[in-house]
PDB file of N, CA and C in Angstrom:
ATOM      1  N   UNK A   1     102.554 151.038  53.541  1.00  0.00           N
ATOM      2  CA  UNK A   1     102.134 150.822  54.939  1.00  0.00           C
ATOM      3  C   UNK A   1     100.713 151.261  55.088  1.00  0.00           C
ATOM      4  N   UNK A   2     100.399 152.388  54.478  1.00  0.00           N
ATOM      5  CA  UNK A   2      99.035 152.939  54.595  1.00  0.00           C
ATOM      6  C   UNK A   2      98.032 152.020  53.887  1.00  0.00           C
ATOM      7  N   UNK A   3      98.456 151.464  52.807  1.00  0.00           N
ATOM      8  CA  UNK A   3      97.546 150.548  52.046  1.00  0.00           C
ATOM      9  C   UNK A   3      97.280 149.286  52.923  1.00  0.00           C
ATOM     10  N   UNK A   4      98.285 148.799  53.538  1.00  0.00           N
ATOM     11  CA  UNK A   4      98.122 147.636  54.407  1.00  0.00           C
ATOM     12  C   UNK A   4      97.189 147.947  55.579  1.00  0.00           C
ATOM     13  N   UNK A   5      97.340 149.142  56.150  1.00  0.00           N
ATOM     14  CA  UNK A   5      96.513 149.592  57.235  1.00  0.00           C
ATOM     15  C   UNK A   5      95.057 149.701  56.760  1.00  0.00           C
ATOM     16  N   UNK A   6      94.821 150.239  55.612  1.00  0.00           N
ATOM     17  CA  UNK A   6      93.464 150.402  55.077  1.00  0.00           C
ATOM     18  C   UNK A   6      92.852 149.004  54.808  1.00  0.00           C
ATOM     19  N   UNK A   7      93.619 148.089  54.305  1.00  0.00           N
ATOM     20  CA  UNK A   7      93.088 146.779  53.991  1.00  0.00           C
ATOM     21  C   UNK A   7      92.758 146.078  55.296  1.00  0.00           C
ATOM     22  N   UNK A   8      93.593 146.228  56.333  1.00  0.00           N
ATOM     23  CA  UNK A   8      93.305 145.607  57.626  1.00  0.00           C
ATOM     24  C   UNK A   8      92.027 146.190  58.208  1.00  0.00           C
ATOM     25  N   UNK A   9      91.863 147.492  58.044  1.00  0.00           N
ATOM     26  CA  UNK A   9      90.616 148.122  58.557  1.00  0.00           C
ATOM     27  C   UNK A   9      89.399 147.575  57.858  1.00  0.00           C
ATOM     28  N   UNK A  10      89.459 147.390  56.555  1.00  0.00           N
ATOM     29  CA  UNK A  10      88.339 146.840  55.795  1.00  0.00           C
ATOM     30  C   UNK A  10      88.054 145.367  56.221  1.00  0.00           C
ATOM     31  N   UNK A  11      89.136 144.641  56.395  1.00  0.00           N
ATOM     32  CA  UNK A  11      88.944 143.254  56.806  1.00  0.00           C
ATOM     33  C   UNK A  11      88.371 143.211  58.254  1.00  0.00           C
ATOM     34  N   UNK A  12      88.759 144.109  59.101  1.00  0.00           N
ATOM     35  CA  UNK A  12      88.215 144.176  60.443  1.00  0.00           C
ATOM     36  C   UNK A  12      86.697 144.493  60.388  1.00  0.00           C
ATOM     37  N   UNK A  13      86.362 145.390  59.530  1.00  0.00           N
ATOM     38  CA  UNK A  13      84.925 145.803  59.413  1.00  0.00           C
ATOM     39  C   UNK A  13      84.131 144.586  58.945  1.00  0.00           C
ATOM     40  N   UNK A  14      84.649 143.801  57.996  1.00  0.00           N
ATOM     41  CA  UNK A  14      83.958 142.587  57.522  1.00  0.00           C
ATOM     42  C   UNK A  14      83.789 141.589  58.712  1.00  0.00           C
ATOM     43  N   UNK A  15      84.789 141.423  59.457  1.00  0.00           N
ATOM     44  CA  UNK A  15      84.743 140.477  60.635  1.00  0.00           C
ATOM     45  C   UNK A  15      83.742 140.919  61.639  1.00  0.00           C
ATOM     46  N   UNK A  16      83.700 142.227  61.876  1.00  0.00           N
ATOM     47  CA  UNK A  16      82.730 142.761  62.826  1.00  0.00           C
ATOM     48  C   UNK A  16      81.288 142.553  62.316  1.00  0.00           C
ATOM     49  N   UNK A  17      81.073 142.764  61.050  1.00  0.00           N
ATOM     50  CA  UNK A  17      79.757 142.518  60.442  1.00  0.00           C
ATOM     51  C   UNK A  17      79.377 141.033  60.587  1.00  0.00           C
ATOM     52  N   UNK A  18      80.312 140.150  60.297  1.00  0.00           N
ATOM     53  CA  UNK A  18      80.004 138.733  60.420  1.00  0.00           C
ATOM     54  C   UNK A  18      79.723 138.352  61.841  1.00  0.00           C
ATOM     55  N   UNK A  19      80.447 138.896  62.820  1.00  0.00           N
ATOM     56  CA  UNK A  19      80.202 138.638  64.230  1.00  0.00           C
ATOM     57  C   UNK A  19      78.802 139.131  64.617  1.00  0.00           C
ATOM     58  N   UNK A  20      78.421 140.287  64.146  1.00  0.00           N
ATOM     59  CA  UNK A  20      77.085 140.823  64.464  1.00  0.00           C
ATOM     60  C   UNK A  20      76.002 139.913  63.852  1.00  0.00           C
ATOM     61  N   UNK A  21      76.250 139.419  62.665  1.00  0.00           N
ATOM     62  CA  UNK A  21      75.284 138.474  62.051  1.00  0.00           C
ATOM     63  C   UNK A  21      75.152 137.201  62.850  1.00  0.00           C
ATOM     64  N   UNK A  22      76.293 136.739  63.356  1.00  0.00           N
ATOM     65  CA  UNK A  22      76.301 135.493  64.186  1.00  0.00           C
ATOM     66  C   UNK A  22      75.538 135.737  65.456  1.00  0.00           C
ATOM     67  N   UNK A  23      75.737 136.905  66.062  1.00  0.00           N
ATOM     68  CA  UNK A  23      74.976 137.207  67.298  1.00  0.00           C
ATOM     69  C   UNK A  23      73.479 137.265  67.035  1.00  0.00           C
ATOM     70  N   UNK A  24      73.135 137.927  65.898  1.00  0.00           N
ATOM     71  CA  UNK A  24      71.702 138.036  65.548  1.00  0.00           C
ATOM     72  C   UNK A  24      71.119 136.638  65.331  1.00  0.00           C
ATOM     73  N   UNK A  25      71.887 135.768  64.636  1.00  0.00           N
ATOM     74  CA  UNK A  25      71.407 134.435  64.413  1.00  0.00           C
ATOM     75  C   UNK A  25      71.220 133.666  65.702  1.00  0.00           C
ATOM     76  N   UNK A  26      72.105 133.838  66.622  1.00  0.00           N
ATOM     77  CA  UNK A  26      71.987 133.182  67.943  1.00  0.00           C
ATOM     78  C   UNK A  26      70.735 133.672  68.628  1.00  0.00           C
ATOM     79  N   UNK A  27      70.504 134.956  68.618  1.00  0.00           N
ATOM     80  CA  UNK A  27      69.296 135.534  69.242  1.00  0.00           C
ATOM     81  C   UNK A  27      68.028 134.998  68.559  1.00  0.00           C
ATOM     82  N   UNK A  28      68.078 134.871  67.222  1.00  0.00           N
ATOM     83  CA  UNK A  28      66.922 134.372  66.529  1.00  0.00           C
ATOM     84  C   UNK A  28      66.623 132.895  66.910  1.00  0.00           C
ATOM     85  N   UNK A  29      67.688 132.142  67.042  1.00  0.00           N
ATOM     86  CA  UNK A  29      67.534 130.749  67.469  1.00  0.00           C
ATOM     87  C   UNK A  29      66.874 130.650  68.813  1.00  0.00           C
ATOM     88  N   UNK A  30      67.401 131.502  69.743  1.00  0.00           N
ATOM     89  CA  UNK A  30      66.843 131.487  71.088  1.00  0.00           C
ATOM     90  C   UNK A  30      65.367 131.917  71.109  1.00  0.00           C
ATOM     91  N   UNK A  31      65.046 132.968  70.336  1.00  0.00           N
ATOM     92  CA  UNK A  31      63.664 133.399  70.217  1.00  0.00           C
ATOM     93  C   UNK A  31      62.768 132.358  69.593  1.00  0.00           C
ATOM     94  N   UNK A  32      63.303 131.678  68.580  1.00  0.00           N
ATOM     95  CA  UNK A  32      62.556 130.620  67.907  1.00  0.00           C
ATOM     96  C   UNK A  32      62.263 129.465  68.957  1.00  0.00           C
ATOM     97  N   UNK A  33      63.283 129.130  69.696  1.00  0.00           N
ATOM     98  CA  UNK A  33      63.118 128.053  70.724  1.00  0.00           C
ATOM     99  C   UNK A  33      62.058 128.471  71.742  1.00  0.00           C
ATOM    100  N   UNK A  34      62.133 129.712  72.258  1.00  0.00           N
ATOM    101  CA  UNK A  34      61.147 130.144  73.242  1.00  0.00           C
ATOM    102  C   UNK A  34      59.737 130.180  72.607  1.00  0.00           C
ATOM    103  N   UNK A  35      59.659 130.682  71.440  1.00  0.00           N
ATOM    104  CA  UNK A  35      58.322 130.711  70.758  1.00  0.00           C
ATOM    105  C   UNK A  35      57.781 129.348  70.502  1.00  0.00           C
ATOM    106  N   UNK A  36      58.642 128.423  70.068  1.00  0.00           N
ATOM    107  CA  UNK A  36      58.181 127.069  69.803  1.00  0.00           C
ATOM    108  C   UNK A  36      57.728 126.383  71.101  1.00  0.00           C
ATOM    109  N   UNK A  37      58.432 126.622  72.147  1.00  0.00           N
ATOM    110  CA  UNK A  37      58.068 126.021  73.411  1.00  0.00           C
ATOM    111  C   UNK A  37      56.727 126.562  73.950  1.00  0.00           C
ATOM    112  N   UNK A  38      56.513 127.870  73.761  1.00  0.00           N
ATOM    113  CA  UNK A  38      55.242 128.445  74.145  1.00  0.00           C
ATOM    114  C   UNK A  38      54.108 127.897  73.301  1.00  0.00           C
ATOM    115  N   UNK A  39      54.346 127.803  72.006  1.00  0.00           N
ATOM    116  CA  UNK A  39      53.332 127.322  71.094  1.00  0.00           C
ATOM    117  C   UNK A  39      53.041 125.892  71.356  1.00  0.00           C
ATOM    118  N   UNK A  40      54.052 125.092  71.577  1.00  0.00           N
ATOM    119  CA  UNK A  40      53.876 123.667  71.843  1.00  0.00           C
ATOM    120  C   UNK A  40      53.081 123.400  73.115  1.00  0.00           C
ATOM    121  N   UNK A  41      53.381 124.121  74.163  1.00  0.00           N
ATOM    122  CA  UNK A  41      52.706 123.892  75.433  1.00  0.00           C
ATOM    123  C   UNK A  41      51.263 124.373  75.376  1.00  0.00           C
ATOM    124  N   UNK A  42      50.953 125.397  74.640  1.00  0.00           N
ATOM    125  CA  UNK A  42      49.622 125.940  74.599  1.00  0.00           C
ATOM    126  C   UNK A  42      48.719 125.090  73.705  1.00  0.00           C
ATOM    127  N   UNK A  43      49.229 124.493  72.622  1.00  0.00           N
ATOM    128  CA  UNK A  43      48.482 123.775  71.647  1.00  0.00           C
ATOM    129  C   UNK A  43      48.262 122.303  72.023  1.00  0.00           C
ATOM    130  N   UNK A  44      49.242 121.719  72.643  1.00  0.00           N
ATOM    131  CA  UNK A  44      49.251 120.292  72.878  1.00  0.00           C
ATOM    132  C   UNK A  44      48.279 119.936  73.999  1.00  0.00           C
ATOM    133  N   UNK A  45      47.615 118.830  73.781  1.00  0.00           N
ATOM    134  CA  UNK A  45      46.783 118.253  74.867  1.00  0.00           C
ATOM    135  C   UNK A  45      47.624 117.275  75.615  1.00  0.00           C
ATOM    136  N   UNK A  46      47.132 116.870  76.751  1.00  0.00           N
ATOM    137  CA  UNK A  46      47.805 115.873  77.546  1.00  0.00           C
ATOM    138  C   UNK A  46      47.714 114.507  76.798  1.00  0.00           C
ATOM    139  N   UNK A  47      48.817 113.885  76.587  1.00  0.00           N
ATOM    140  CA  UNK A  47      48.722 112.562  75.889  1.00  0.00           C
ATOM    141  C   UNK A  47      47.866 111.578  76.660  1.00  0.00           C
ATOM    142  N   UNK A  48      47.000 110.874  75.871  1.00  0.00           N
ATOM    143  CA  UNK A  48      46.051 109.960  76.508  1.00  0.00           C
ATOM    144  C   UNK A  48      46.701 108.633  76.861  1.00  0.00           C
ATOM    145  N   UNK A  49      47.651 108.164  76.094  1.00  0.00           N
ATOM    146  CA  UNK A  49      48.267 106.898  76.344  1.00  0.00           C
ATOM    147  C   UNK A  49      49.781 107.060  76.605  1.00  0.00           C
ATOM    148  N   UNK A  50      50.337 105.982  77.085  1.00  0.00           N
ATOM    149  CA  UNK A  50      51.782 106.006  77.318  1.00  0.00           C
ATOM    150  C   UNK A  50      52.583 106.098  76.022  1.00  0.00           C
ATOM    151  N   UNK A  51      52.068 105.471  74.942  1.00  0.00           N
ATOM    152  CA  UNK A  51      52.735 105.516  73.632  1.00  0.00           C
ATOM    153  C   UNK A  51      52.759 106.963  73.137  1.00  0.00           C
ATOM    154  N   UNK A  52      51.643 107.700  73.324  1.00  0.00           N
ATOM    155  CA  UNK A  52      51.581 109.078  72.882  1.00  0.00           C
ATOM    156  C   UNK A  52      52.564 109.914  73.725  1.00  0.00           C
ATOM    157  N   UNK A  53      52.609 109.652  74.983  1.00  0.00           N
ATOM    158  CA  UNK A  53      53.569 110.339  75.853  1.00  0.00           C
ATOM    159  C   UNK A  53      54.999 110.090  75.437  1.00  0.00           C
ATOM    160  N   UNK A  54      55.341 108.833  75.160  1.00  0.00           N
ATOM    161  CA  UNK A  54      56.691 108.506  74.713  1.00  0.00           C
ATOM    162  C   UNK A  54      57.047 109.202  73.424  1.00  0.00           C
ATOM    163  N   UNK A  55      56.078 109.230  72.530  1.00  0.00           N
ATOM    164  CA  UNK A  55      56.250 109.882  71.204  1.00  0.00           C
ATOM    165  C   UNK A  55      56.485 111.382  71.437  1.00  0.00           C
ATOM    166  N   UNK A  56      55.675 111.934  72.307  1.00  0.00           N
ATOM    167  CA  UNK A  56      55.830 113.385  72.598  1.00  0.00           C
ATOM    168  C   UNK A  56      57.226 113.708  73.193  1.00  0.00           C
ATOM    169  N   UNK A  57      57.626 112.865  74.098  1.00  0.00           N
ATOM    170  CA  UNK A  57      58.953 113.086  74.755  1.00  0.00           C
ATOM    171  C   UNK A  57      60.053 112.952  73.716  1.00  0.00           C
ATOM    172  N   UNK A  58      59.897 111.939  72.809  1.00  0.00           N
ATOM    173  CA  UNK A  58      60.908 111.732  71.803  1.00  0.00           C
ATOM    174  C   UNK A  58      60.982 112.940  70.855  1.00  0.00           C
ATOM    175  N   UNK A  59      59.859 113.505  70.436  1.00  0.00           N
ATOM    176  CA  UNK A  59      59.834 114.672  69.516  1.00  0.00           C
ATOM    177  C   UNK A  59      60.414 115.861  70.232  1.00  0.00           C
ATOM    178  N   UNK A  60      60.121 116.024  71.501  1.00  0.00           N
ATOM    179  CA  UNK A  60      60.626 117.211  72.236  1.00  0.00           C
ATOM    180  C   UNK A  60      62.152 117.080  72.428  1.00  0.00           C
ATOM    181  N   UNK A  61      62.649 115.885  72.680  1.00  0.00           N
ATOM    182  CA  UNK A  61      64.086 115.674  72.765  1.00  0.00           C
ATOM    183  C   UNK A  61      64.813 115.933  71.493  1.00  0.00           C
ATOM    184  N   UNK A  62      64.213 115.463  70.384  1.00  0.00           N
ATOM    185  CA  UNK A  62      64.820 115.694  69.057  1.00  0.00           C
ATOM    186  C   UNK A  62      64.868 117.169  68.761  1.00  0.00           C
ATOM    187  N   UNK A  63      63.790 117.863  69.039  1.00  0.00           N
ATOM    188  CA  UNK A  63      63.753 119.314  68.837  1.00  0.00           C
ATOM    189  C   UNK A  63      64.786 120.049  69.687  1.00  0.00           C
ATOM    190  N   UNK A  64      64.921 119.603  70.918  1.00  0.00           N
ATOM    191  CA  UNK A  64      65.886 120.183  71.807  1.00  0.00           C
ATOM    192  C   UNK A  64      67.308 119.961  71.278  1.00  0.00           C
ATOM    193  N   UNK A  65      67.556 118.779  70.813  1.00  0.00           N
ATOM    194  CA  UNK A  65      68.943 118.424  70.326  1.00  0.00           C
ATOM    195  C   UNK A  65      69.233 119.273  69.079  1.00  0.00           C
ATOM    196  N   UNK A  66      68.277 119.416  68.174  1.00  0.00           N
ATOM    197  CA  UNK A  66      68.515 120.267  66.987  1.00  0.00           C
ATOM    198  C   UNK A  66      68.825 121.709  67.379  1.00  0.00           C
ATOM    199  N   UNK A  67      68.052 122.229  68.310  1.00  0.00           N
ATOM    200  CA  UNK A  67      68.225 123.586  68.772  1.00  0.00           C
ATOM    201  C   UNK A  67      69.593 123.751  69.440  1.00  0.00           C
ATOM    202  N   UNK A  68      69.948 122.819  70.286  1.00  0.00           N
ATOM    203  CA  UNK A  68      71.233 122.882  70.995  1.00  0.00           C
ATOM    204  C   UNK A  68      72.420 122.800  70.010  1.00  0.00           C
ATOM    205  N   UNK A  69      72.299 121.894  69.009  1.00  0.00           N
ATOM    206  CA  UNK A  69      73.366 121.833  67.981  1.00  0.00           C
ATOM    207  C   UNK A  69      73.528 123.142  67.232  1.00  0.00           C
ATOM    208  N   UNK A  70      72.403 123.687  66.823  1.00  0.00           N
ATOM    209  CA  UNK A  70      72.436 124.963  66.076  1.00  0.00           C
ATOM    210  C   UNK A  70      73.031 126.050  66.972  1.00  0.00           C
ATOM    211  N   UNK A  71      72.652 126.090  68.212  1.00  0.00           N
ATOM    212  CA  UNK A  71      73.231 127.103  69.143  1.00  0.00           C
ATOM    213  C   UNK A  71      74.713 126.882  69.341  1.00  0.00           C
ATOM    214  N   UNK A  72      75.202 125.646  69.460  1.00  0.00           N
ATOM    215  CA  UNK A  72      76.571 125.383  69.644  1.00  0.00           C
ATOM    216  C   UNK A  72      77.347 125.793  68.381  1.00  0.00           C
ATOM    217  N   UNK A  73      76.805 125.491  67.215  1.00  0.00           N
ATOM    218  CA  UNK A  73      77.468 125.869  65.948  1.00  0.00           C
ATOM    219  C   UNK A  73      77.615 127.373  65.862  1.00  0.00           C
ATOM    220  N   UNK A  74      76.543 128.074  66.250  1.00  0.00           N
ATOM    221  CA  UNK A  74      76.566 129.530  66.198  1.00  0.00           C
ATOM    222  C   UNK A  74      77.578 130.110  67.211  1.00  0.00           C
ATOM    223  N   UNK A  75      77.626 129.497  68.384  1.00  0.00           N
ATOM    224  CA  UNK A  75      78.612 129.971  69.365  1.00  0.00           C
ATOM    225  C   UNK A  75      80.025 129.731  68.932  1.00  0.00           C
ATOM    226  N   UNK A  76      80.269 128.604  68.257  1.00  0.00           N
ATOM    227  CA  UNK A  76      81.607 128.322  67.760  1.00  0.00           C
ATOM    228  C   UNK A  76      81.996 129.354  66.682  1.00  0.00           C
ATOM    229  N   UNK A  77      81.059 129.644  65.827  1.00  0.00           N
ATOM    230  CA  UNK A  77      81.310 130.591  64.762  1.00  0.00           C
ATOM    231  C   UNK A  77      81.565 131.991  65.366  1.00  0.00           C
ATOM    232  N   UNK A  78      80.818 132.366  66.342  1.00  0.00           N
ATOM    233  CA  UNK A  78      81.003 133.645  66.997  1.00  0.00           C
ATOM    234  C   UNK A  78      82.329 133.721  67.692  1.00  0.00           C
ATOM    235  N   UNK A  79      82.760 132.663  68.302  1.00  0.00           N
ATOM    236  CA  UNK A  79      84.074 132.596  68.970  1.00  0.00           C
ATOM    237  C   UNK A  79      85.186 132.780  67.951  1.00  0.00           C
ATOM    238  N   UNK A  80      85.058 132.060  66.779  1.00  0.00           N
ATOM    239  CA  UNK A  80      86.056 132.194  65.750  1.00  0.00           C
ATOM    240  C   UNK A  80      86.149 133.631  65.238  1.00  0.00           C
ATOM    241  N   UNK A  81      84.981 134.255  65.055  1.00  0.00           N
ATOM    242  CA  UNK A  81      84.921 135.639  64.578  1.00  0.00           C
ATOM    243  C   UNK A  81      85.540 136.578  65.609  1.00  0.00           C
ATOM    244  N   UNK A  82      85.284 136.341  66.842  1.00  0.00           N
ATOM    245  CA  UNK A  82      85.869 137.213  67.887  1.00  0.00           C
ATOM    246  C   UNK A  82      87.414 137.074  67.901  1.00  0.00           C
ATOM    247  N   UNK A  83      87.916 135.826  67.711  1.00  0.00           N
ATOM    248  CA  UNK A  83      89.333 135.586  67.631  1.00  0.00           C
ATOM    249  C   UNK A  83      89.912 136.320  66.431  1.00  0.00           C
ATOM    250  N   UNK A  84      89.252 136.200  65.259  1.00  0.00           N
ATOM    251  CA  UNK A  84      89.695 136.902  64.053  1.00  0.00           C
ATOM    252  C   UNK A  84      89.738 138.381  64.316  1.00  0.00           C
ATOM    253  N   UNK A  85      88.728 138.930  64.986  1.00  0.00           N
ATOM    254  CA  UNK A  85      88.700 140.342  65.271  1.00  0.00           C
ATOM    255  C   UNK A  85      89.870 140.763  66.168  1.00  0.00           C
ATOM    256  N   UNK A  86      90.158 139.956  67.154  1.00  0.00           N
ATOM    257  CA  UNK A  86      91.325 140.246  68.035  1.00  0.00           C
ATOM    258  C   UNK A  86      92.593 140.252  67.233  1.00  0.00           C
ATOM    259  N   UNK A  87      92.773 139.242  66.360  1.00  0.00           N
ATOM    260  CA  UNK A  87      93.960 139.172  65.508  1.00  0.00           C
ATOM    261  C   UNK A  87      94.067 140.372  64.599  1.00  0.00           C
ATOM    262  N   UNK A  88      92.961 140.808  64.056  1.00  0.00           N
ATOM    263  CA  UNK A  88      92.975 141.956  63.212  1.00  0.00           C
ATOM    264  C   UNK A  88      93.414 143.216  63.967  1.00  0.00           C
ATOM    265  N   UNK A  89      92.876 143.326  65.204  1.00  0.00           N
ATOM    266  CA  UNK A  89      93.232 144.498  66.023  1.00  0.00           C
ATOM    267  C   UNK A  89      94.730 144.489  66.339  1.00  0.00           C
ATOM    268  N   UNK A  90      95.273 143.274  66.623  1.00  0.00           N
ATOM    269  CA  UNK A  90      96.728 143.213  66.890  1.00  0.00           C
ATOM    270  C   UNK A  90      97.545 143.530  65.642  1.00  0.00           C
ATOM    271  N   UNK A  91      97.055 143.075  64.456  1.00  0.00           N
ATOM    272  CA  UNK A  91      97.773 143.424  63.215  1.00  0.00           C
ATOM    273  C   UNK A  91      97.742 144.900  62.937  1.00  0.00           C
ATOM    274  N   UNK A  92      96.601 145.556  63.213  1.00  0.00           N
ATOM    275  CA  UNK A  92      96.511 146.998  62.998  1.00  0.00           C
ATOM    276  C   UNK A  92      97.492 147.697  63.950  1.00  0.00           C
ATOM    277  N   UNK A  93      97.482 147.269  65.190  1.00  0.00           N
ATOM    278  CA  UNK A  93      98.439 147.921  66.148  1.00  0.00           C
ATOM    279  C   UNK A  93      99.868 147.705  65.734  1.00  0.00           C
ATOM    280  N   UNK A  94     100.202 146.480  65.265  1.00  0.00           N
ATOM    281  CA  UNK A  94     101.572 146.229  64.853  1.00  0.00           C
ATOM    282  C   UNK A  94     101.931 147.106  63.643  1.00  0.00           C
ATOM    283  N   UNK A  95     100.960 147.223  62.739  1.00  0.00           N
ATOM    284  CA  UNK A  95     101.285 148.021  61.513  1.00  0.00           C
ATOM    285  C   UNK A  95     101.389 149.494  61.851  1.00  0.00           C
ATOM    286  N   UNK A  96     100.738 149.977  62.885  1.00  0.00           N
ATOM    287  CA  UNK A  96     100.885 151.353  63.245  1.00  0.00           C
ATOM    288  C   UNK A  96     102.236 151.611  63.997  1.00  0.00           C
ATOM    289  N   UNK A  97     102.754 150.598  64.657  1.00  0.00           N
ATOM    290  CA  UNK A  97     104.046 150.769  65.375  1.00  0.00           C
ATOM    291  C   UNK A  97     105.149 150.505  64.494  1.00  0.00           C
TER     292      UNK A  97
END
């Protein structure tokens, strides 16, 4: 019983570490997005033609889509890790009772 308890605690610690890494990754993605938006707006000139404007809009939308997908993937992973953590906590409680 004690061995099972110790293994559950180790597994819980691993899940907590993975969840923390997922949170850090999410924060890095958000910071990257904010930094890229600041950099893009400060460096870019106003497009001279409508074609340049359309190209700019297309590039910005593509960048936004990539960032949103990455953010959604990270949120899904974080959600799974939180569920794993809750399951581990329940298993630990059950093993103690």
